[in-house]
Amino acid sequence: MRRTKEAALHTREALLDAAEALFAEQGVSRTTLQQIAERAGLTRGAVYWHFEDKAALFNAMMSRTTLPMEEALQGMGEAPEPPLDVLRRLAEDALRRIAHDPRTRRVFEIATHKVEYVDELAAVRDRHLQVQTGCQAHILDCFRRAQALGHIRPDVDCAVAALAHHAQIDGLIQMWMLHPARFDLVDMGLRSLDLFVDGLRMR
């Protein structure tokens, strides 16, 4: 039984690796499940054994890489540091992963520039919105806790601040993906985020 589970896990990972490579090479819409199966050295039936369709496979590929970052955001409220310090630390970790880890960079590049939200990929758009909404909610909670501690001015609308913070990070990543040599993602990202957050702090 254990060997069967290990074999199934190995097959699943091989399919995810193949999909990731093909999505990066030719885009999501132009990649077929047959091509993914062939790249993995498997049959199309093996794909359907593990994934309902291409959207499910894409979402699994994303989760494999982004889940640690999503879980870190979910645990923000349990960290012992001040809320704004935690937010900066997690932002730095995410930016470093994207800039320096090949798989994370590739997956973000696929999600940013290689996917179209056509009908067959509606579930991909749904997951993107779900993750986006969840991240923004955790950032909002962070700002509200910081405001309650007196670290953010009482006149700041935390909902607006959370949306702006999220948009700033997302925009920086998209700009960097288009031309990585244009600026250092980690350095410029942290400097711009510090500039934004400093405008929210109590004086």
N, C-alpha and C. Protein backbone atom coordinates (compact mmCIF):
# COMPACT_ATOMS: atom_id res chain seq x y z
N MET A 1 0.83 -1.20 0.00
CA MET A 1 0.00 0.00 0.00
C MET A 1 0.87 1.26 0.00
N ARG A 2 1.93 1.24 0.83
CA ARG A 2 2.80 2.40 0.91
C ARG A 2 3.48 2.65 -0.42
N ARG A 3 3.94 1.57 -1.07
CA ARG A 3 4.61 1.73 -2.36
C ARG A 3 3.64 2.25 -3.41
N THR A 4 2.38 1.85 -3.30
CA THR A 4 1.36 2.33 -4.23
C THR A 4 1.15 3.83 -4.05
N LYS A 5 1.08 4.28 -2.80
CA LYS A 5 0.91 5.71 -2.53
C LYS A 5 2.11 6.50 -3.01
N GLU A 6 3.31 5.94 -2.79
CA GLU A 6 4.53 6.62 -3.22
C GLU A 6 4.57 6.73 -4.75
N ALA A 7 4.12 5.66 -5.42
CA ALA A 7 4.10 5.67 -6.88
C ALA A 7 3.10 6.70 -7.39
N ALA A 8 1.94 6.79 -6.73
CA ALA A 8 0.93 7.77 -7.14
C ALA A 8 1.44 9.18 -6.93
N LEU A 9 2.13 9.42 -5.82
CA LEU A 9 2.69 10.74 -5.54
C LEU A 9 3.77 11.09 -6.57
N HIS A 10 4.58 10.10 -6.92
CA HIS A 10 5.62 10.32 -7.92
C HIS A 10 5.00 10.68 -9.27
N THR A 11 3.93 9.98 -9.64
CA THR A 11 3.24 10.26 -10.90
C THR A 11 2.66 11.67 -10.88
N ARG A 12 2.03 12.04 -9.78
CA ARG A 12 1.43 13.37 -9.66
C ARG A 12 2.49 14.45 -9.80
N GLU A 13 3.63 14.28 -9.13
CA GLU A 13 4.70 15.26 -9.20
C GLU A 13 5.27 15.35 -10.61
N ALA A 14 5.38 14.21 -11.29
CA ALA A 14 5.89 14.21 -12.66
C ALA A 14 4.96 14.99 -13.58
N LEU A 15 3.67 14.86 -13.39
CA LEU A 15 2.69 15.59 -14.19
C LEU A 15 2.76 17.09 -13.90
N LEU A 16 2.92 17.45 -12.63
CA LEU A 16 3.03 18.86 -12.27
C LEU A 16 4.31 19.47 -12.85
N ASP A 17 5.40 18.72 -12.79
CA ASP A 17 6.66 19.20 -13.37
C ASP A 17 6.52 19.41 -14.87
N ALA A 18 5.89 18.46 -15.54
CA ALA A 18 5.71 18.56 -16.99
C ALA A 18 4.81 19.74 -17.35
N ALA A 19 3.73 19.91 -16.60
CA ALA A 19 2.82 21.02 -16.86
C ALA A 19 3.52 22.35 -16.64
N GLU A 20 4.27 22.45 -15.57
CA GLU A 20 4.99 23.70 -15.27
C GLU A 20 5.94 24.06 -16.41
N ALA A 21 6.67 23.07 -16.90
CA ALA A 21 7.63 23.32 -17.98
C ALA A 21 6.92 23.74 -19.26
N LEU A 22 5.86 23.05 -19.62
CA LEU A 22 5.14 23.36 -20.85
C LEU A 22 4.39 24.69 -20.77
N PHE A 23 3.79 24.96 -19.63
CA PHE A 23 3.10 26.24 -19.46
C PHE A 23 4.09 27.40 -19.62
N ALA A 24 5.30 27.23 -19.09
CA ALA A 24 6.31 28.28 -19.19
C ALA A 24 6.79 28.44 -20.63
N GLU A 25 6.88 27.34 -21.36
CA GLU A 25 7.40 27.37 -22.73
C GLU A 25 6.39 27.94 -23.72
N GLN A 26 5.12 27.53 -23.61
CA GLN A 26 4.18 27.87 -24.67
C GLN A 26 2.85 28.45 -24.19
N GLY A 27 2.73 28.72 -22.90
CA GLY A 27 1.49 29.27 -22.38
C GLY A 27 0.51 28.19 -22.00
N VAL A 28 -0.46 28.55 -21.18
CA VAL A 28 -1.40 27.57 -20.65
C VAL A 28 -2.43 27.15 -21.70
N SER A 29 -2.99 28.12 -22.41
CA SER A 29 -4.04 27.81 -23.39
C SER A 29 -3.54 26.92 -24.51
N ARG A 30 -2.28 27.07 -24.90
CA ARG A 30 -1.73 26.31 -26.02
C ARG A 30 -1.20 24.94 -25.60
N THR A 31 -1.23 24.65 -24.31
CA THR A 31 -0.74 23.37 -23.82
C THR A 31 -1.91 22.41 -23.61
N THR A 32 -1.79 21.21 -24.14
CA THR A 32 -2.85 20.21 -24.00
C THR A 32 -2.48 19.19 -22.93
N LEU A 33 -3.49 18.50 -22.44
CA LEU A 33 -3.23 17.44 -21.46
C LEU A 33 -2.43 16.31 -22.09
N GLN A 34 -2.63 16.06 -23.38
CA GLN A 34 -1.86 15.04 -24.08
C GLN A 34 -0.38 15.39 -24.09
N GLN A 35 -0.07 16.65 -24.34
CA GLN A 35 1.32 17.09 -24.33
C GLN A 35 1.94 16.93 -22.95
N ILE A 36 1.16 17.26 -21.92
CA ILE A 36 1.66 17.12 -20.55
C ILE A 36 1.95 15.66 -20.23
N ALA A 37 1.04 14.78 -20.62
CA ALA A 37 1.24 13.35 -20.39
C ALA A 37 2.48 12.85 -21.10
N GLU A 38 2.66 13.26 -22.35
CA GLU A 38 3.83 12.82 -23.12
C GLU A 38 5.11 13.36 -22.52
N ARG A 39 5.12 14.62 -22.10
CA ARG A 39 6.33 15.18 -21.49
C ARG A 39 6.70 14.43 -20.21
N ALA A 40 5.69 13.98 -19.47
CA ALA A 40 5.93 13.25 -18.22
C ALA A 40 6.22 11.77 -18.46
N GLY A 41 6.08 11.32 -19.71
CA GLY A 41 6.28 9.90 -20.02
C GLY A 41 5.15 9.03 -19.52
N LEU A 42 3.93 9.61 -19.51
CA LEU A 42 2.76 8.91 -19.00
C LEU A 42 1.63 8.96 -20.02
N THR A 43 0.51 8.36 -19.67
CA THR A 43 -0.65 8.37 -20.56
C THR A 43 -1.61 9.48 -20.16
N ARG A 44 -2.50 9.83 -21.08
CA ARG A 44 -3.51 10.84 -20.78
C ARG A 44 -4.40 10.36 -19.64
N GLY A 45 -4.62 9.04 -19.56
CA GLY A 45 -5.43 8.48 -18.48
C GLY A 45 -4.82 8.78 -17.12
N ALA A 46 -3.49 8.81 -17.05
CA ALA A 46 -2.83 9.12 -15.78
C ALA A 46 -3.14 10.54 -15.35
N VAL A 47 -3.25 11.45 -16.32
CA VAL A 47 -3.58 12.83 -16.00
C VAL A 47 -4.96 12.89 -15.36
N TYR A 48 -5.94 12.23 -15.99
CA TYR A 48 -7.31 12.28 -15.49
C TYR A 48 -7.48 11.51 -14.17
N TRP A 49 -6.58 10.61 -13.89
CA TRP A 49 -6.63 9.90 -12.61
C TRP A 49 -6.34 10.87 -11.45
N HIS A 50 -5.46 11.84 -11.73
CA HIS A 50 -5.03 12.77 -10.67
C HIS A 50 -5.72 14.13 -10.73
N PHE A 51 -6.15 14.54 -11.94
CA PHE A 51 -6.71 15.89 -12.09
C PHE A 51 -7.96 15.86 -12.97
N GLU A 52 -8.96 16.58 -12.55
CA GLU A 52 -10.24 16.61 -13.27
C GLU A 52 -10.09 17.22 -14.66
N ASP A 53 -9.28 18.26 -14.77
CA ASP A 53 -9.09 18.95 -16.04
C ASP A 53 -7.83 19.81 -15.95
N LYS A 54 -7.57 20.60 -17.00
CA LYS A 54 -6.35 21.41 -17.03
C LYS A 54 -6.37 22.48 -15.95
N ALA A 55 -7.53 23.04 -15.65
CA ALA A 55 -7.62 24.06 -14.62
C ALA A 55 -7.22 23.49 -13.26
N ALA A 56 -7.68 22.28 -12.96
CA ALA A 56 -7.33 21.64 -11.69
C ALA A 56 -5.83 21.37 -11.62
N LEU A 57 -5.25 20.98 -12.75
CA LEU A 57 -3.82 20.73 -12.80
C LEU A 57 -3.05 22.03 -12.59
N PHE A 58 -3.50 23.09 -13.24
CA PHE A 58 -2.86 24.40 -13.09
C PHE A 58 -2.91 24.86 -11.63
N ASN A 59 -4.08 24.75 -11.01
CA ASN A 59 -4.23 25.19 -9.63
C ASN A 59 -3.35 24.38 -8.68
N ALA A 60 -3.21 23.09 -8.95
CA ALA A 60 -2.34 22.25 -8.13
C ALA A 60 -0.88 22.67 -8.30
N MET A 61 -0.50 23.02 -9.53
CA MET A 61 0.85 23.50 -9.79
C MET A 61 1.12 24.78 -9.02
N MET A 62 0.15 25.69 -9.00
CA MET A 62 0.31 26.94 -8.27
C MET A 62 0.41 26.68 -6.77
N SER A 63 -0.49 25.86 -6.26
CA SER A 63 -0.53 25.61 -4.81
C SER A 63 0.77 24.98 -4.32
N ARG A 64 1.36 24.13 -5.13
CA ARG A 64 2.60 23.47 -4.73
C ARG A 64 3.69 24.48 -4.39
N THR A 65 3.69 25.60 -5.08
CA THR A 65 4.71 26.62 -4.88
C THR A 65 4.27 27.73 -3.93
N THR A 66 3.03 28.16 -4.04
CA THR A 66 2.58 29.34 -3.29
C THR A 66 2.01 29.02 -1.92
N LEU A 67 1.68 27.76 -1.65
CA LEU A 67 1.03 27.41 -0.38
C LEU A 67 1.84 27.84 0.85
N PRO A 68 3.17 27.66 0.85
CA PRO A 68 3.92 28.11 2.04
C PRO A 68 3.74 29.61 2.31
N MET A 69 3.69 30.41 1.25
CA MET A 69 3.50 31.85 1.44
C MET A 69 2.09 32.16 1.91
N GLU A 70 1.10 31.43 1.38
CA GLU A 70 -0.28 31.64 1.80
C GLU A 70 -0.45 31.25 3.27
N GLU A 71 0.18 30.14 3.68
CA GLU A 71 0.07 29.70 5.07
C GLU A 71 0.77 30.68 6.02
N ALA A 72 1.87 31.28 5.55
CA ALA A 72 2.57 32.27 6.38
C ALA A 72 1.67 33.47 6.63
N LEU A 73 0.94 33.91 5.61
CA LEU A 73 0.01 35.02 5.78
C LEU A 73 -1.09 34.67 6.78
N GLN A 74 -1.58 33.44 6.69
CA GLN A 74 -2.66 33.01 7.58
C GLN A 74 -2.22 33.01 9.04
N GLY A 75 -0.92 32.81 9.26
CA GLY A 75 -0.41 32.75 10.63
C GLY A 75 0.12 34.07 11.15
N MET A 76 -0.13 35.15 10.42
CA MET A 76 0.39 36.46 10.82
C MET A 76 -0.03 36.87 12.22
N GLY A 77 -1.27 36.60 12.56
CA GLY A 77 -1.80 37.04 13.83
C GLY A 77 -1.18 36.36 15.04
N GLU A 78 -0.48 35.23 14.82
CA GLU A 78 0.12 34.47 15.91
C GLU A 78 1.57 34.83 16.14
N ALA A 79 2.15 35.64 15.25
CA ALA A 79 3.56 36.00 15.38
C ALA A 79 3.76 36.96 16.55
N PRO A 80 4.90 36.85 17.27
CA PRO A 80 5.13 37.70 18.46
C PRO A 80 5.55 39.12 18.13
N GLU A 81 6.02 39.35 16.89
CA GLU A 81 6.51 40.69 16.54
C GLU A 81 5.34 41.66 16.34
N PRO A 82 5.63 42.97 16.32
CA PRO A 82 4.60 43.96 15.98
C PRO A 82 4.04 43.66 14.60
N PRO A 83 2.75 43.91 14.38
CA PRO A 83 2.10 43.54 13.11
C PRO A 83 2.80 44.07 11.87
N LEU A 84 3.25 45.33 11.88
CA LEU A 84 3.88 45.90 10.69
C LEU A 84 5.24 45.25 10.42
N ASP A 85 5.92 44.80 11.47
CA ASP A 85 7.19 44.10 11.29
C ASP A 85 6.95 42.73 10.66
N VAL A 86 5.89 42.07 11.09
CA VAL A 86 5.55 40.77 10.51
C VAL A 86 5.22 40.92 9.03
N LEU A 87 4.42 41.94 8.72
CA LEU A 87 4.03 42.18 7.33
C LEU A 87 5.26 42.42 6.46
N ARG A 88 6.21 43.18 6.95
CA ARG A 88 7.43 43.45 6.18
C ARG A 88 8.25 42.19 5.99
N ARG A 89 8.37 41.39 7.05
CA ARG A 89 9.15 40.14 6.97
C ARG A 89 8.56 39.19 5.94
N LEU A 90 7.24 39.06 5.94
CA LEU A 90 6.60 38.16 4.98
C LEU A 90 6.71 38.69 3.55
N ALA A 91 6.61 40.00 3.40
CA ALA A 91 6.78 40.59 2.07
C ALA A 91 8.19 40.34 1.56
N GLU A 92 9.17 40.51 2.43
CA GLU A 92 10.57 40.27 2.04
C GLU A 92 10.77 38.81 1.65
N ASP A 93 10.21 37.90 2.42
CA ASP A 93 10.35 36.47 2.11
C ASP A 93 9.74 36.15 0.74
N ALA A 94 8.55 36.69 0.46
CA ALA A 94 7.89 36.43 -0.81
C ALA A 94 8.70 36.99 -1.97
N LEU A 95 9.20 38.22 -1.82
CA LEU A 95 9.98 38.84 -2.89
C LEU A 95 11.28 38.09 -3.13
N ARG A 96 11.92 37.62 -2.07
CA ARG A 96 13.16 36.85 -2.22
C ARG A 96 12.89 35.52 -2.93
N ARG A 97 11.81 34.86 -2.59
CA ARG A 97 11.47 33.61 -3.25
C ARG A 97 11.28 33.82 -4.75
N ILE A 98 10.53 34.85 -5.09
CA ILE A 98 10.24 35.13 -6.49
C ILE A 98 11.51 35.50 -7.25
N ALA A 99 12.36 36.29 -6.62
CA ALA A 99 13.56 36.76 -7.30
C ALA A 99 14.64 35.69 -7.41
N HIS A 100 14.73 34.79 -6.43
CA HIS A 100 15.90 33.90 -6.37
C HIS A 100 15.60 32.40 -6.45
N ASP A 101 14.37 31.98 -6.24
CA ASP A 101 14.05 30.55 -6.36
C ASP A 101 13.50 30.29 -7.77
N PRO A 102 14.18 29.46 -8.56
CA PRO A 102 13.77 29.26 -9.96
C PRO A 102 12.33 28.79 -10.13
N ARG A 103 11.89 27.86 -9.31
CA ARG A 103 10.52 27.36 -9.46
C ARG A 103 9.50 28.44 -9.13
N THR A 104 9.70 29.14 -8.03
CA THR A 104 8.76 30.20 -7.66
C THR A 104 8.71 31.28 -8.74
N ARG A 105 9.86 31.64 -9.25
CA ARG A 105 9.90 32.66 -10.30
C ARG A 105 9.16 32.17 -11.55
N ARG A 106 9.39 30.93 -11.92
CA ARG A 106 8.73 30.38 -13.12
C ARG A 106 7.21 30.33 -12.95
N VAL A 107 6.76 29.89 -11.79
CA VAL A 107 5.33 29.77 -11.56
C VAL A 107 4.66 31.15 -11.55
N PHE A 108 5.31 32.12 -10.94
CA PHE A 108 4.75 33.48 -10.95
C PHE A 108 4.75 34.07 -12.35
N GLU A 109 5.76 33.74 -13.13
CA GLU A 109 5.80 34.22 -14.51
C GLU A 109 4.66 33.61 -15.32
N ILE A 110 4.38 32.33 -15.10
CA ILE A 110 3.26 31.67 -15.77
C ILE A 110 1.96 32.36 -15.37
N ALA A 111 1.77 32.54 -14.07
CA ALA A 111 0.52 33.14 -13.57
C ALA A 111 0.35 34.58 -14.02
N THR A 112 1.47 35.28 -14.23
CA THR A 112 1.41 36.69 -14.60
C THR A 112 1.27 36.90 -16.10
N HIS A 113 1.99 36.09 -16.90
CA HIS A 113 2.08 36.37 -18.33
C HIS A 113 1.69 35.21 -19.25
N LYS A 114 1.43 34.03 -18.71
CA LYS A 114 1.23 32.88 -19.58
C LYS A 114 -0.14 32.23 -19.45
N VAL A 115 -1.10 32.89 -18.81
CA VAL A 115 -2.42 32.29 -18.62
C VAL A 115 -3.50 33.25 -19.10
N GLU A 116 -4.50 32.69 -19.79
CA GLU A 116 -5.67 33.46 -20.22
C GLU A 116 -6.89 32.90 -19.51
N TYR A 117 -7.75 33.77 -19.02
CA TYR A 117 -8.93 33.31 -18.29
C TYR A 117 -10.07 32.98 -19.26
N VAL A 118 -9.82 32.01 -20.14
CA VAL A 118 -10.85 31.55 -21.06
C VAL A 118 -11.76 30.57 -20.31
N ASP A 119 -12.83 30.12 -20.99
CA ASP A 119 -13.84 29.30 -20.32
C ASP A 119 -13.26 28.08 -19.62
N GLU A 120 -12.36 27.37 -20.27
CA GLU A 120 -11.83 26.14 -19.68
C GLU A 120 -10.97 26.42 -18.46
N LEU A 121 -10.56 27.67 -18.28
CA LEU A 121 -9.71 28.03 -17.15
C LEU A 121 -10.44 28.94 -16.16
N ALA A 122 -11.77 28.88 -16.17
CA ALA A 122 -12.55 29.70 -15.24
C ALA A 122 -12.19 29.38 -13.78
N ALA A 123 -11.89 28.12 -13.51
CA ALA A 123 -11.53 27.73 -12.15
C ALA A 123 -10.19 28.34 -11.73
N VAL A 124 -9.33 28.61 -12.70
CA VAL A 124 -8.06 29.26 -12.40
C VAL A 124 -8.32 30.70 -11.95
N ARG A 125 -9.20 31.38 -12.66
CA ARG A 125 -9.57 32.75 -12.27
C ARG A 125 -10.21 32.76 -10.89
N ASP A 126 -11.06 31.76 -10.62
CA ASP A 126 -11.73 31.69 -9.32
C ASP A 126 -10.72 31.52 -8.20
N ARG A 127 -9.72 30.66 -8.42
CA ARG A 127 -8.70 30.44 -7.39
C ARG A 127 -7.86 31.71 -7.20
N HIS A 128 -7.53 32.36 -8.30
CA HIS A 128 -6.76 33.59 -8.21
C HIS A 128 -7.50 34.63 -7.36
N LEU A 129 -8.79 34.78 -7.61
CA LEU A 129 -9.59 35.73 -6.84
C LEU A 129 -9.68 35.32 -5.37
N GLN A 130 -9.82 34.02 -5.13
CA GLN A 130 -9.93 33.52 -3.76
C GLN A 130 -8.64 33.81 -2.99
N VAL A 131 -7.50 33.52 -3.61
CA VAL A 131 -6.21 33.78 -2.95
C VAL A 131 -6.01 35.27 -2.74
N GLN A 132 -6.34 36.06 -3.76
CA GLN A 132 -6.21 37.51 -3.67
C GLN A 132 -7.06 38.07 -2.53
N THR A 133 -8.30 37.62 -2.45
CA THR A 133 -9.21 38.08 -1.40
C THR A 133 -8.69 37.68 -0.01
N GLY A 134 -8.19 36.45 0.09
CA GLY A 134 -7.66 35.98 1.36
C GLY A 134 -6.44 36.76 1.81
N CYS A 135 -5.52 37.02 0.87
CA CYS A 135 -4.32 37.79 1.20
C CYS A 135 -4.68 39.19 1.67
N GLN A 136 -5.60 39.81 0.96
CA GLN A 136 -6.00 41.17 1.33
C GLN A 136 -6.66 41.20 2.70
N ALA A 137 -7.43 40.16 3.01
CA ALA A 137 -8.08 40.10 4.32
C ALA A 137 -7.05 40.00 5.44
N HIS A 138 -5.99 39.22 5.23
CA HIS A 138 -4.95 39.09 6.25
C HIS A 138 -4.17 40.39 6.41
N ILE A 139 -3.93 41.09 5.30
CA ILE A 139 -3.24 42.38 5.37
C ILE A 139 -4.11 43.39 6.11
N LEU A 140 -5.41 43.37 5.82
CA LEU A 140 -6.35 44.26 6.50
C LEU A 140 -6.33 44.01 8.01
N ASP A 141 -6.36 42.76 8.40
CA ASP A 141 -6.31 42.41 9.82
C ASP A 141 -5.03 42.92 10.46
N CYS A 142 -3.91 42.81 9.72
CA CYS A 142 -2.63 43.29 10.23
C CYS A 142 -2.68 44.80 10.47
N PHE A 143 -3.20 45.55 9.51
CA PHE A 143 -3.28 47.00 9.66
C PHE A 143 -4.21 47.39 10.81
N ARG A 144 -5.31 46.67 10.95
CA ARG A 144 -6.24 46.99 12.03
C ARG A 144 -5.60 46.74 13.39
N ARG A 145 -4.84 45.66 13.52
CA ARG A 145 -4.17 45.38 14.79
C ARG A 145 -3.10 46.43 15.07
N ALA A 146 -2.39 46.84 14.01
CA ALA A 146 -1.37 47.88 14.18
C ALA A 146 -2.02 49.20 14.59
N GLN A 147 -3.17 49.48 14.03
CA GLN A 147 -3.88 50.71 14.38
C GLN A 147 -4.35 50.67 15.83
N ALA A 148 -4.84 49.51 16.27
CA ALA A 148 -5.30 49.35 17.65
C ALA A 148 -4.15 49.51 18.65
N LEU A 149 -2.93 49.18 18.22
CA LEU A 149 -1.75 49.32 19.07
C LEU A 149 -1.16 50.72 19.02
N GLY A 150 -1.73 51.58 18.17
CA GLY A 150 -1.23 52.93 18.06
C GLY A 150 -0.06 53.09 17.12
N HIS A 151 0.19 52.08 16.27
CA HIS A 151 1.31 52.14 15.33
C HIS A 151 0.92 52.81 14.01
N ILE A 152 -0.38 52.89 13.75
CA ILE A 152 -0.90 53.53 12.54
C ILE A 152 -1.84 54.65 12.96
N ARG A 153 -1.82 55.75 12.24
CA ARG A 153 -2.67 56.90 12.57
C ARG A 153 -4.14 56.50 12.62
N PRO A 154 -4.91 57.05 13.55
CA PRO A 154 -6.33 56.68 13.69
C PRO A 154 -7.19 57.12 12.51
N ASP A 155 -6.72 58.09 11.72
CA ASP A 155 -7.52 58.56 10.59
C ASP A 155 -7.34 57.70 9.34
N VAL A 156 -6.43 56.73 9.36
CA VAL A 156 -6.17 55.88 8.20
C VAL A 156 -7.31 54.88 8.02
N ASP A 157 -7.84 54.78 6.81
CA ASP A 157 -8.83 53.76 6.45
C ASP A 157 -8.06 52.48 6.14
N CYS A 158 -8.11 51.53 7.04
CA CYS A 158 -7.30 50.32 6.90
C CYS A 158 -7.69 49.49 5.68
N ALA A 159 -8.95 49.53 5.29
CA ALA A 159 -9.37 48.78 4.11
C ALA A 159 -8.71 49.34 2.85
N VAL A 160 -8.65 50.66 2.76
CA VAL A 160 -7.97 51.29 1.62
C VAL A 160 -6.48 50.99 1.67
N ALA A 161 -5.89 51.07 2.85
CA ALA A 161 -4.46 50.80 3.01
C ALA A 161 -4.12 49.36 2.61
N ALA A 162 -4.97 48.41 2.98
CA ALA A 162 -4.72 47.01 2.66
C ALA A 162 -4.78 46.79 1.14
N LEU A 163 -5.77 47.39 0.50
CA LEU A 163 -5.89 47.27 -0.96
C LEU A 163 -4.68 47.89 -1.65
N ALA A 164 -4.26 49.08 -1.18
CA ALA A 164 -3.13 49.75 -1.79
C ALA A 164 -1.83 48.97 -1.59
N HIS A 165 -1.66 48.40 -0.41
CA HIS A 165 -0.47 47.61 -0.10
C HIS A 165 -0.40 46.38 -1.01
N HIS A 166 -1.52 45.70 -1.16
CA HIS A 166 -1.57 44.51 -2.01
C HIS A 166 -1.30 44.88 -3.46
N ALA A 167 -1.92 45.97 -3.93
CA ALA A 167 -1.73 46.41 -5.30
C ALA A 167 -0.29 46.81 -5.56
N GLN A 168 0.35 47.38 -4.55
CA GLN A 168 1.74 47.80 -4.70
C GLN A 168 2.65 46.58 -4.91
N ILE A 169 2.49 45.57 -4.09
CA ILE A 169 3.31 44.36 -4.22
C ILE A 169 3.03 43.67 -5.55
N ASP A 170 1.75 43.52 -5.89
CA ASP A 170 1.37 42.86 -7.13
C ASP A 170 1.93 43.62 -8.34
N GLY A 171 1.83 44.93 -8.30
CA GLY A 171 2.34 45.74 -9.40
C GLY A 171 3.85 45.64 -9.55
N LEU A 172 4.57 45.67 -8.45
CA LEU A 172 6.01 45.53 -8.49
C LEU A 172 6.44 44.20 -9.10
N ILE A 173 5.76 43.13 -8.71
CA ILE A 173 6.09 41.81 -9.24
C ILE A 173 5.84 41.77 -10.74
N GLN A 174 4.71 42.29 -11.18
CA GLN A 174 4.39 42.26 -12.61
C GLN A 174 5.38 43.10 -13.41
N MET A 175 5.75 44.27 -12.92
CA MET A 175 6.73 45.10 -13.60
C MET A 175 8.08 44.40 -13.69
N TRP A 176 8.49 43.77 -12.61
CA TRP A 176 9.78 43.09 -12.58
C TRP A 176 9.79 41.89 -13.52
N MET A 177 8.69 41.15 -13.59
CA MET A 177 8.61 39.99 -14.47
C MET A 177 8.80 40.39 -15.94
N LEU A 178 8.33 41.57 -16.31
CA LEU A 178 8.48 42.03 -17.69
C LEU A 178 9.93 42.34 -18.03
N HIS A 179 10.70 42.82 -17.03
CA HIS A 179 12.08 43.21 -17.30
C HIS A 179 12.89 43.11 -16.00
N PRO A 180 13.33 41.90 -15.62
CA PRO A 180 14.00 41.70 -14.33
C PRO A 180 15.26 42.53 -14.13
N ALA A 181 15.92 42.92 -15.23
CA ALA A 181 17.15 43.70 -15.08
C ALA A 181 16.86 45.16 -14.77
N ARG A 182 15.61 45.55 -14.85
CA ARG A 182 15.27 46.96 -14.67
C ARG A 182 15.50 47.43 -13.25
N PHE A 183 15.22 46.57 -12.27
CA PHE A 183 15.47 46.93 -10.87
C PHE A 183 15.57 45.67 -10.04
N ASP A 184 16.16 45.80 -8.85
CA ASP A 184 16.28 44.68 -7.91
C ASP A 184 14.94 44.54 -7.19
N LEU A 185 14.28 43.42 -7.38
CA LEU A 185 12.93 43.24 -6.84
C LEU A 185 12.90 43.36 -5.32
N VAL A 186 13.84 42.72 -4.65
CA VAL A 186 13.83 42.72 -3.18
C VAL A 186 14.14 44.11 -2.64
N ASP A 187 15.23 44.71 -3.12
CA ASP A 187 15.63 46.03 -2.62
C ASP A 187 14.57 47.09 -2.92
N MET A 188 14.16 47.18 -4.17
CA MET A 188 13.17 48.20 -4.54
C MET A 188 11.82 47.91 -3.91
N GLY A 189 11.48 46.63 -3.82
CA GLY A 189 10.21 46.26 -3.20
C GLY A 189 10.14 46.70 -1.75
N LEU A 190 11.19 46.41 -0.98
CA LEU A 190 11.19 46.77 0.43
C LEU A 190 11.25 48.28 0.63
N ARG A 191 12.04 48.96 -0.19
CA ARG A 191 12.14 50.41 -0.07
C ARG A 191 10.80 51.09 -0.38
N SER A 192 10.11 50.60 -1.39
CA SER A 192 8.82 51.22 -1.74
C SER A 192 7.76 50.89 -0.71
N LEU A 193 7.78 49.66 -0.17
CA LEU A 193 6.83 49.29 0.86
C LEU A 193 7.08 50.08 2.15
N ASP A 194 8.36 50.27 2.48
CA ASP A 194 8.69 51.08 3.67
C ASP A 194 8.19 52.51 3.50
N LEU A 195 8.36 53.04 2.31
CA LEU A 195 7.90 54.40 2.03
C LEU A 195 6.38 54.49 2.23
N PHE A 196 5.66 53.48 1.74
CA PHE A 196 4.21 53.46 1.88
C PHE A 196 3.79 53.35 3.35
N VAL A 197 4.34 52.39 4.05
CA VAL A 197 3.96 52.15 5.46
C VAL A 197 4.36 53.32 6.34
N ASP A 198 5.49 53.96 6.06
CA ASP A 198 5.91 55.12 6.86
C ASP A 198 4.87 56.24 6.80
N GLY A 199 4.16 56.31 5.68
CA GLY A 199 3.11 57.33 5.56
C GLY A 199 1.88 57.04 6.41
N LEU A 200 1.77 55.80 6.89
CA LEU A 200 0.64 55.41 7.71
C LEU A 200 0.93 55.51 9.22
N ARG A 201 2.19 55.57 9.56
CA ARG A 201 2.57 55.50 10.98
C ARG A 201 2.21 56.74 11.76
N MET A 202 2.11 56.53 13.08
CA MET A 202 1.90 57.64 14.01
C MET A 202 3.18 58.48 14.06
N ARG A 203 3.03 59.77 14.17
CA ARG A 203 4.18 60.65 14.29
C ARG A 203 4.30 61.17 15.73
